[in-house]
Each structure stands twice: as C-alpha cells, then as structure tokens.
C-alpha cells in the first residue's frame, strides 16, 4: 500500500516524538496543519475561462511566522502541499531559524502559460490569500515552476493592497529588494552538506565523483559548488536527457544553458539513467519519489544527498540503508534555501543589504553546524541521519509549544 506524502512525513514525526518520550496528544498536535486554504483562480485563456485550483497550507507557527514556497505544477494537490508545509516546519526548526512551515501551489503546467497568464495567476493567488500572508504571518518564496520574477509580481500585488513591505516574500530579484546569494543558496547548501558528509565519513572530498539528477536552480548550483569544492561531477540530467563523462563535466562551461538539450560534454544518456550511475555521491535534485522500489536495487552510490523534497520513498530509503548507503535527508540537505530566505527577510526588515561574501560565509557556517548537530544526535540515539534530523526538529518545536503554554 502506498502512503500519501503527508502520512510519510507524519510517520517520521511520530517516530521522533516516541524516541523523545512525548505524549501522544503532543505528537498529534504537531502533525496537524493550523490552516488550509483552497482557492479557485479563474484565468482568461483565448476566448474562454479556465478555472485553476490554488492552495496555501500553514502547518505551524510555534517557532515564528510560517515560511514556504509556491509551486506551479500540474500534479499539485492538497496532500502534496500539506506534506511540503509540514517539511518546512521541521526544516526551519532543524536549522534553527525563527520560522514555522507553510507551502502553496497552483495546479497548472507552467509551460502552457504565457508570461502574461503566469503573472495573472500569481496576482490572483496573492489577492485571494492576502489576508493570511504578511512578513510576520506567512512569507512565500519560489519553488518548482516559479522564480524571482514570479515573486516580484507577488510583492507588487501585496504592496498595492497592504503598502510597502518587501519582507512579505523572499527569493525576489536582487534589483527589487532580493539578496545577493539567495538564488544559489539551496544548491550551495546541498554541495556543502555533501562535502561535510564525505569528511565525517572519512572519505576524500577532492576527486569524489558526483551524479546529479536535475539541472534547475538546485541541481545547477549544487553542481557548480561541488566542482568548486574539488569534487568531480560525472553525470547530470534534466527533462531533456542527461550527459555522462567519467573524466568530469566542466559545469562552468555549461552553467548558462537553460536545458541540457544539445549540450555535448560527453556521452548522452537517458534522463533517469543518471540515478544509476556508479558514483560516490548521488544528488536527486528534481521531483519527489524518483528513487523507489522499482529502481532502489540499481542505485550505485555510497552517499545520497537529497536536493529535492522527498526524492526517496520510505521503502527505497529502508532498502538503501540496509545496503550501507548513507542518506542525508531533504530537511537538512536542501535547507540552504530557507536559510538564504531568512537572510533576505532579515535584510528587508532592517533595510540593510549584506555583501554576497558575508551571505555565503554565514550560510556555509550554519549549514556545517546543522549537519554536525544531526550527526551527533544520530550517534547518541544510534539512528540514521533522517531520524536524527526529525529528533532535533521535533524536540525544538515541542519545546516551543510547551513554553508558549499552548499544550499545558
């Protein structure tokens, strides 16, 4: 029986809560979402109207205003948004930034939208949800199918309704109150976590072979920073297919390509073949559920660093760990994005901009600290890194609940 994505996250929360000795009611209260809003978005297309469905799920505000991206994708549904909102709660707690979790989305294939249609969808989403958003309530950010430009439209619409508040959204263009370093933050964090994992395991960072599935924002910057840290990226793929070169791919040379279509830097391979390449480090940085019961036995990496959200199913996770693969969970591995969003949010509130080298230094230090903490907890409780990450996060959220008095 396949579990829903939200159930899978809640199973992790329950497991961590039981290890920590929390009461069943406390665990249940942390598993449920505070608020779920479903909206209809009428969109003029050609000579008719298409009605899209939009979502905003606010999971927890125990540790601060809710934070989470907006996803434009045809598979977006309430269960997925709930799961991603919940993951944001645990991710922000794990890296110790003062946010709770939220997530939003619109069920639409963004590739079918013109630029004007995409802008209209974003503005209507914002108008319908303005009452639950705000820099001290719920701060959106880009996700799959959205980007800095989409966030500029959101901010502009919010300003029209609520007045000037650039901290109402993060991941904005640098020219419009964005932060230099935010765009690369998720991928940079993934690469730094990969290096920290290799070091803690006694493996060499220099020359370690890396395969990356996904050449969007996360995969692209993860590949670039892995290369800068001395690792050798031997395979990379996107929806158009993949490339494989055992001598290493020069990521800088292909970085500006929008897709990998037509990129000739080695042998062309299928989009999913990259997951099965023999390598030291595998980084799935695209969609969820790409490593599952069907292909887990063919994974040929020593370390998996989850750049995407929930790229491994629970069954695949279990099978790979039994085979000795070290898996660094998404809530740790890709948390550089929300760390970067936190830096942007603070700069907006202070109306003071950091230089990019300070942003990078701060990000690297905090990611390393978060990894060290999870590693220590995994040794203390003799558990895998995913369980350890949830123990750290659930402990912090339950403490916040208790201190606020909401569970007394």
Protein backbone atom coordinates (compact mmCIF):
# COMPACT_ATOMS: atom_id res chain seq x y z
CA UNK A 1 0.00 0.00 0.00
CA UNK A 2 1.42 3.40 -0.92
CA UNK A 3 1.34 6.02 1.77
CA UNK A 4 0.47 9.62 0.98
CA UNK A 5 3.37 12.09 1.15
CA UNK A 6 1.80 13.78 4.21
CA UNK A 7 1.36 10.45 6.04
CA UNK A 8 5.02 9.64 5.38
CA UNK A 9 6.16 12.89 7.00
CA UNK A 10 3.83 12.35 9.96
CA UNK A 11 5.18 8.84 10.47
CA UNK A 12 8.65 10.39 10.85
CA UNK A 13 7.30 12.94 13.34
CA UNK A 14 5.61 10.20 15.39
CA UNK A 15 8.79 8.11 15.42
CA UNK A 16 10.90 11.07 16.62
CA UNK A 17 8.25 12.02 19.20
CA UNK A 18 8.23 8.50 20.63
CA UNK A 19 12.04 8.44 20.87
CA UNK A 20 11.85 11.76 22.75
CA UNK A 21 9.13 10.38 25.06
CA UNK A 22 6.47 12.92 24.04
CA UNK A 23 2.79 12.37 24.87
CA UNK A 24 0.57 11.12 22.02
CA UNK A 25 -1.52 14.31 22.12
CA UNK A 26 1.57 16.48 21.78
CA UNK A 27 2.69 14.47 18.75
CA UNK A 28 -0.80 14.67 17.18
CA UNK A 29 -0.93 18.45 17.64
CA UNK A 30 2.40 18.84 15.83
CA UNK A 31 1.26 16.60 12.97
CA UNK A 32 -1.85 18.59 12.06
CA UNK A 33 -1.94 21.77 9.97
CA UNK A 34 -3.08 25.04 11.55
CA UNK A 35 -4.85 26.31 8.44
CA UNK A 36 -5.60 25.12 4.90
CA UNK A 37 -6.92 27.46 2.23
CA UNK A 38 -8.11 26.22 -1.17
CA UNK A 39 -8.98 28.85 -3.77
CA UNK A 40 -10.26 28.94 -7.35
CA UNK A 41 -8.36 31.07 -9.85
CA UNK A 42 -10.37 31.96 -12.99
CA UNK A 43 -7.95 32.59 -15.86
CA UNK A 44 -8.88 34.13 -19.23
CA UNK A 45 -7.42 31.91 -21.96
CA UNK A 46 -8.13 32.58 -25.64
CA UNK A 47 -11.90 33.17 -25.77
CA UNK A 48 -12.87 31.27 -22.63
CA UNK A 49 -12.10 30.97 -18.91
CA UNK A 50 -10.13 28.14 -17.32
CA UNK A 51 -10.57 27.68 -13.56
CA UNK A 52 -7.38 26.66 -11.75
CA UNK A 53 -7.11 25.46 -8.14
CA UNK A 54 -4.69 27.20 -5.78
CA UNK A 55 -3.54 26.30 -2.26
CA UNK A 56 -1.88 27.70 0.85
CA UNK A 57 -1.34 25.38 3.79
CA UNK A 58 0.03 26.80 7.04
CA UNK A 59 1.36 23.97 9.13
CA UNK A 60 2.85 25.59 12.23
CA UNK A 61 3.64 28.98 13.73
CA UNK A 62 5.07 27.63 17.00
CA UNK A 63 8.56 28.95 16.23
CA UNK A 64 7.70 32.04 14.18
CA UNK A 65 5.83 33.21 11.07
CA UNK A 66 5.18 30.45 8.54
CA UNK A 67 7.59 30.15 5.62
CA UNK A 68 7.39 28.18 2.39
CA UNK A 69 7.46 28.23 -1.38
CA UNK A 70 4.78 28.39 -4.06
CA UNK A 71 4.78 25.59 -6.60
CA UNK A 72 3.24 25.80 -10.10
CA UNK A 73 2.93 22.21 -11.32
CA UNK A 74 0.16 20.09 -12.81
CA UNK A 75 0.46 17.43 -10.07
CA UNK A 76 -0.03 19.87 -7.17
CA UNK A 77 -2.77 18.72 -4.80
CA UNK A 78 -3.73 19.26 -1.16
CA UNK A 79 -1.88 16.21 0.15
CA UNK A 80 1.37 17.25 -1.51
CA UNK A 81 1.07 20.84 -0.24
CA UNK A 82 0.34 19.58 3.30
CA UNK A 83 3.42 17.34 3.21
CA UNK A 84 5.65 20.15 1.94
CA UNK A 85 4.26 22.62 4.51
CA UNK A 86 4.99 20.12 7.27
CA UNK A 87 8.52 19.52 5.96
CA UNK A 88 9.10 23.29 6.14
CA UNK A 89 8.22 23.26 9.85
CA UNK A 90 10.83 20.58 10.53
CA UNK A 91 13.37 22.12 8.17
CA UNK A 92 13.24 25.58 9.77
CA UNK A 93 13.39 24.06 13.28
CA UNK A 94 16.31 21.82 12.29
CA UNK A 95 18.49 24.70 11.08
CA UNK A 96 17.23 26.92 13.91
CA UNK A 97 15.73 29.87 12.03
CA UNK A 98 12.70 31.63 13.59
CA UNK A 99 10.05 30.38 11.19
CA UNK A 100 7.28 27.80 11.05
CA UNK A 101 6.16 25.88 7.98
CA UNK A 102 3.84 26.66 5.08
CA UNK A 103 3.54 25.82 1.39
CA UNK A 104 1.47 26.99 -1.53
CA UNK A 105 0.77 25.99 -5.06
CA UNK A 106 -1.37 26.13 -8.15
CA UNK A 107 -2.31 23.00 -10.11
CA UNK A 108 -1.17 24.11 -13.55
CA UNK A 109 1.55 23.19 -16.05
CA UNK A 110 3.56 26.44 -16.13
CA UNK A 111 4.99 25.61 -19.57
CA UNK A 112 1.48 26.06 -21.05
CA UNK A 113 1.14 29.61 -19.66
CA UNK A 114 2.21 32.76 -21.48
CA UNK A 115 4.16 35.28 -19.40
CA UNK A 116 1.02 37.42 -19.00
CA UNK A 117 -1.07 34.42 -17.96
CA UNK A 118 1.54 33.38 -15.40
CA UNK A 119 1.56 36.91 -13.97
CA UNK A 120 -2.25 36.91 -13.79
CA UNK A 121 -2.25 33.55 -11.93
CA UNK A 122 0.30 34.84 -9.40
CA UNK A 123 -1.53 38.12 -8.81
CA UNK A 124 -4.91 36.39 -8.37
CA UNK A 125 -3.33 33.87 -5.97
CA UNK A 126 -1.94 36.80 -3.94
CA UNK A 127 -5.22 38.77 -3.94
CA UNK A 128 -7.17 35.74 -2.75
CA UNK A 129 -4.71 34.96 0.07
CA UNK A 130 -3.55 38.41 1.15
CA UNK A 131 -5.44 38.08 4.45
CA UNK A 132 -3.27 35.13 5.55
CA UNK A 133 0.07 36.43 4.21
CA UNK A 134 2.48 39.06 5.52
CA UNK A 135 6.08 39.35 6.75
CA UNK A 136 5.07 38.45 10.33
CA UNK A 137 2.42 35.88 9.33
CA UNK A 138 3.41 33.83 6.30
CA UNK A 139 6.24 34.55 3.86
CA UNK A 140 6.18 32.78 0.45
CA UNK A 141 9.20 32.02 -1.76
CA UNK A 142 9.83 30.44 -5.18
CA UNK A 143 9.57 26.70 -5.75
CA UNK A 144 9.12 24.44 -8.75
CA UNK A 145 7.64 26.36 -11.68
CA UNK A 146 8.13 29.78 -10.04
CA UNK A 147 11.15 32.08 -9.81
CA UNK A 148 12.37 35.53 -8.72
CA UNK A 149 10.20 37.26 -11.33
CA UNK A 150 7.07 35.48 -10.07
CA UNK A 151 7.97 36.69 -6.56
CA UNK A 152 8.31 40.27 -7.85
CA UNK A 153 4.71 40.08 -9.12
CA UNK A 154 3.57 38.71 -5.75
CA UNK A 155 5.36 41.52 -3.89
CA UNK A 156 3.93 44.18 -6.23
CA UNK A 157 0.38 42.87 -5.77
CA UNK A 158 0.86 42.67 -2.00
CA UNK A 159 2.16 46.28 -1.94
CA UNK A 160 -0.90 47.51 -3.85
CA UNK A 161 -3.14 46.02 -1.19
CA UNK A 162 -1.10 46.38 2.01
CA UNK A 163 1.57 49.05 1.40
CA UNK A 164 5.36 48.74 1.13
CA UNK A 165 6.59 45.54 2.85
CA UNK A 166 9.42 43.94 0.85
CA UNK A 167 9.88 41.26 3.55
CA UNK A 168 6.42 39.85 2.60
CA UNK A 169 8.13 37.41 0.18
CA UNK A 170 11.67 36.09 -0.37
CA UNK A 171 13.53 34.92 -3.45
CA UNK A 172 12.92 38.29 -5.15
CA UNK A 173 15.17 39.72 -7.89
CA UNK A 174 18.30 41.36 -6.45
CA UNK A 175 17.21 44.63 -8.15
CA UNK A 176 13.91 44.51 -6.22
CA UNK A 177 14.98 44.03 -2.57
CA UNK A 178 16.29 40.49 -3.14
CA UNK A 179 19.53 39.33 -1.51
CA UNK A 180 22.71 38.56 -3.46
CA UNK A 181 23.33 34.86 -2.74
CA UNK A 182 19.69 33.79 -2.24
CA UNK A 183 19.29 32.29 -5.72
CA UNK A 184 22.27 29.96 -5.26
CA UNK A 185 21.59 29.21 -1.57
CA UNK A 186 19.74 25.87 -1.88
CA UNK A 187 22.24 24.34 -4.31
CA UNK A 188 25.19 25.76 -2.40
CA UNK A 189 23.86 24.24 0.82
CA UNK A 190 23.44 20.83 -0.88
CA UNK A 191 27.09 20.91 -2.03
CA UNK A 192 28.35 21.99 1.42
CA UNK A 193 26.37 19.18 3.07
CA UNK A 194 27.80 16.69 0.53
CA UNK A 195 31.34 17.81 1.47
CA UNK A 196 30.58 17.64 5.22
CA UNK A 197 29.12 14.13 4.81
CA UNK A 198 32.20 12.87 2.97
CA UNK A 199 34.51 14.39 5.60
CA UNK A 200 32.57 12.91 8.55
CA UNK A 201 32.65 9.50 6.84
CA UNK A 202 36.42 9.68 6.36
CA UNK A 203 36.10 9.92 2.55
CA UNK A 204 38.03 12.41 0.42
CA UNK A 205 36.15 15.46 -0.87
CA UNK A 206 38.72 16.22 -3.60
CA UNK A 207 38.08 13.94 -6.55
CA UNK A 208 34.84 12.43 -5.17
CA UNK A 209 32.55 11.55 -8.09
CA UNK A 210 29.09 13.13 -8.17
CA UNK A 211 25.94 12.44 -10.24
CA UNK A 212 23.10 14.97 -10.16
CA UNK A 213 19.53 14.48 -11.32
CA UNK A 214 18.04 17.88 -12.15
CA UNK A 215 19.54 20.96 -13.81
CA UNK A 216 17.12 23.53 -12.42
CA UNK A 217 18.08 26.05 -9.79
CA UNK A 218 19.11 23.48 -7.15
CA UNK A 219 20.96 21.00 -9.37
CA UNK A 220 22.77 23.71 -11.32
CA UNK A 221 24.24 25.48 -8.28
CA UNK A 222 24.89 22.21 -6.43
CA UNK A 223 26.95 21.06 -9.44
CA UNK A 224 28.85 24.34 -9.64
CA UNK A 225 29.74 24.44 -5.94
CA UNK A 226 30.63 20.71 -5.87
CA UNK A 227 33.10 21.48 -8.66
CA UNK A 228 34.46 24.50 -6.74
CA UNK A 229 34.99 22.26 -3.68
CA UNK A 230 37.10 19.85 -5.76
CA UNK A 231 34.53 17.14 -6.47
CA UNK A 232 34.13 15.68 -9.97
CA UNK A 233 30.63 15.92 -11.46
CA UNK A 234 30.48 12.95 -13.87
CA UNK A 235 26.77 12.91 -14.76
CA UNK A 236 23.89 15.37 -14.81
CA UNK A 237 20.38 15.26 -16.27
CA UNK A 238 17.17 17.22 -16.78
CA UNK A 239 13.85 16.52 -18.54
CA UNK A 240 15.58 16.65 -21.96
CA UNK A 241 18.01 13.85 -21.05
CA UNK A 242 21.42 13.55 -19.47
CA UNK A 243 25.17 13.68 -20.08
CA UNK A 244 27.86 11.39 -18.68
CA UNK A 245 31.61 11.94 -18.70
CA UNK A 246 33.77 9.79 -16.36
CA UNK A 247 36.57 12.39 -16.59
CA UNK A 248 34.24 15.06 -15.18
CA UNK A 249 31.98 17.69 -16.73
CA UNK A 250 33.06 21.34 -16.70
CA UNK A 251 29.94 22.79 -15.04
CA UNK A 252 31.08 26.39 -15.51
CA UNK A 253 31.16 25.85 -19.27
CA UNK A 254 27.52 24.65 -19.43
CA UNK A 255 26.11 26.64 -16.49
CA UNK A 256 24.28 29.25 -18.59
CA UNK A 257 22.47 26.67 -20.76
CA UNK A 258 18.76 26.74 -19.91
CA UNK A 259 18.48 22.99 -20.53
CA UNK A 260 20.90 20.15 -21.29
CA UNK A 261 19.37 19.59 -24.72
CA UNK A 262 22.15 19.75 -27.29
CA UNK A 263 24.88 20.00 -24.63
CA UNK A 264 27.76 17.83 -25.85
CA UNK A 265 30.22 17.30 -22.98
CA UNK A 266 30.33 13.53 -23.03
CA UNK A 267 28.03 10.61 -23.72
CA UNK A 268 24.28 11.30 -23.94
CA UNK A 269 22.21 9.20 -21.50
CA UNK A 270 18.54 8.95 -20.57
CA UNK A 271 17.10 11.37 -18.01
CA UNK A 272 16.63 8.68 -15.35
CA UNK A 273 19.88 6.79 -16.14
CA UNK A 274 21.81 9.34 -14.09
CA UNK A 275 20.31 7.83 -10.91
CA UNK A 276 22.00 4.50 -11.60
CA UNK A 277 25.50 5.79 -12.48
CA UNK A 278 28.28 4.40 -10.29
CA UNK A 279 29.47 7.34 -8.17
CA UNK A 280 30.44 8.37 -4.65
CA UNK A 281 27.66 10.96 -4.24
CA UNK A 282 24.21 10.94 -5.86
CA UNK A 283 22.15 14.14 -5.63
CA UNK A 284 18.48 13.78 -6.72
CA UNK A 285 17.54 17.45 -7.19
CA UNK A 286 14.32 17.31 -9.21
CA UNK A 287 10.97 15.69 -8.32
CA UNK A 288 9.85 13.60 -5.35
CA UNK A 289 9.64 9.80 -5.41
CA UNK A 290 12.24 9.28 -8.17
CA UNK A 291 14.06 6.60 -6.15
CA UNK A 292 11.53 3.93 -5.30
CA UNK A 293 11.00 0.17 -5.03
CA UNK A 294 11.38 -0.11 -8.81
CA UNK A 295 14.94 1.21 -9.05
CA UNK A 296 16.39 1.19 -5.49
CA UNK A 297 18.32 -2.04 -6.13
CA UNK A 298 20.09 -0.42 -9.10
CA UNK A 299 21.34 2.66 -7.21
CA UNK A 300 25.13 2.60 -7.29
CA UNK A 301 26.21 5.41 -4.94
CA UNK A 302 27.72 5.39 -1.44
CA UNK A 303 26.03 8.65 -0.38
CA UNK A 304 22.67 10.16 -1.35
CA UNK A 305 22.17 13.86 -0.63
CA UNK A 306 18.50 14.78 -1.07
CA UNK A 307 18.43 18.02 -3.05
CA UNK A 308 14.73 17.60 -3.92
CA UNK A 309 11.88 17.20 -1.41
CA UNK A 310 11.10 13.53 -0.68
CA UNK A 311 13.03 12.09 -3.66
CA UNK A 312 13.15 8.66 -1.94
CA UNK A 313 10.09 6.65 -0.98
CA UNK A 314 10.11 5.16 2.53
CA UNK A 315 10.63 1.64 1.13
CA UNK A 316 13.58 2.73 -1.03
CA UNK A 317 15.09 4.60 1.91
CA UNK A 318 14.96 1.46 4.05
CA UNK A 319 16.38 -0.82 1.33
CA UNK A 320 19.28 1.51 0.54
CA UNK A 321 20.23 1.98 4.19
CA UNK A 322 20.24 -1.80 4.63
CA UNK A 323 22.69 -1.89 1.72
CA UNK A 324 25.00 0.52 3.56
CA UNK A 325 24.14 3.72 1.67
CA UNK A 326 24.37 6.92 3.75
CA UNK A 327 21.33 9.14 3.10
CA UNK A 328 21.25 12.81 4.09
CA UNK A 329 17.55 13.82 4.32
CA UNK A 330 15.94 16.69 2.43
CA UNK A 331 15.08 18.65 5.58
CA UNK A 332 18.82 19.02 6.18
CA UNK A 333 20.34 18.76 2.69
CA UNK A 334 18.19 21.35 0.90
CA UNK A 335 17.62 23.69 3.85
CA UNK A 336 20.10 26.23 2.43
CA UNK A 337 17.17 27.76 0.54
CA UNK A 338 15.19 28.68 3.63
CA UNK A 339 18.40 29.73 5.39
CA UNK A 340 19.02 32.10 2.47
CA UNK A 341 15.40 33.28 2.64
CA UNK A 342 15.88 34.03 6.33
CA UNK A 343 18.92 36.20 5.47
CA UNK A 344 16.89 38.04 2.80
CA UNK A 345 13.94 38.54 5.20
CA UNK A 346 16.18 39.97 7.93
CA UNK A 347 17.87 42.33 5.46
CA UNK A 348 14.46 43.55 4.22
CA UNK A 349 13.24 44.21 7.75
CA UNK A 350 16.45 46.07 8.65
CA UNK A 351 16.53 47.72 5.19
CA UNK A 352 20.24 46.96 5.11
CA UNK A 353 21.94 44.84 2.44
CA UNK A 354 24.74 42.32 3.06
CA UNK A 355 27.65 41.78 0.64
CA UNK A 356 27.49 38.35 -1.03
CA UNK A 357 30.66 37.05 0.68
CA UNK A 358 29.04 37.61 4.10
CA UNK A 359 25.91 35.78 2.89
CA UNK A 360 27.96 32.79 1.69
CA UNK A 361 30.14 32.67 4.80
CA UNK A 362 27.11 32.78 7.11
CA UNK A 363 25.29 30.12 5.05
CA UNK A 364 28.29 27.74 4.98
CA UNK A 365 28.90 28.10 8.73
CA UNK A 366 25.28 27.46 9.67
CA UNK A 367 24.86 24.50 7.28
CA UNK A 368 28.01 22.89 8.70
CA UNK A 369 26.75 23.46 12.25
CA UNK A 370 23.34 21.93 11.42
CA UNK A 371 24.99 18.86 9.87
CA UNK A 372 27.32 18.45 12.86
CA UNK A 373 24.35 18.58 15.23
CA UNK A 374 22.37 15.96 13.29
CA UNK A 375 25.45 13.70 13.07
CA UNK A 376 25.95 13.94 16.84
CA UNK A 377 22.28 13.11 17.56
CA UNK A 378 22.41 10.12 15.16
CA UNK A 379 25.33 8.72 17.21
CA UNK A 380 23.62 9.48 20.54
CA UNK A 381 20.42 7.60 19.65
CA UNK A 382 22.07 5.09 17.23
CA UNK A 383 19.71 6.11 14.42
CA UNK A 384 20.10 7.09 10.76
CA UNK A 385 20.52 10.76 9.75
CA UNK A 386 16.86 11.21 8.73
CA UNK A 387 15.57 10.01 12.08
CA UNK A 388 18.19 12.17 13.85
CA UNK A 389 17.14 15.25 11.86
CA UNK A 390 13.50 14.74 12.86
CA UNK A 391 14.52 14.20 16.52
CA UNK A 392 16.31 17.59 16.54
CA UNK A 393 13.42 19.36 14.79
CA UNK A 394 10.56 17.75 16.74
CA UNK A 395 12.36 18.46 20.01
CA UNK A 396 12.64 22.18 19.16
CA UNK A 397 9.02 22.52 18.00
CA UNK A 398 7.63 20.63 21.01
CA UNK A 399 9.69 22.84 23.34
CA UNK A 400 8.29 25.95 21.65
CA UNK A 401 4.72 24.58 22.04
CA UNK A 402 5.32 23.88 25.72
CA UNK A 403 6.96 27.24 26.51
CA UNK A 404 4.15 29.12 24.74
CA UNK A 405 1.69 27.39 27.04
CA UNK A 406 -0.44 26.06 24.20
CA UNK A 407 -0.20 22.49 25.46
CA UNK A 408 -0.27 22.99 29.20
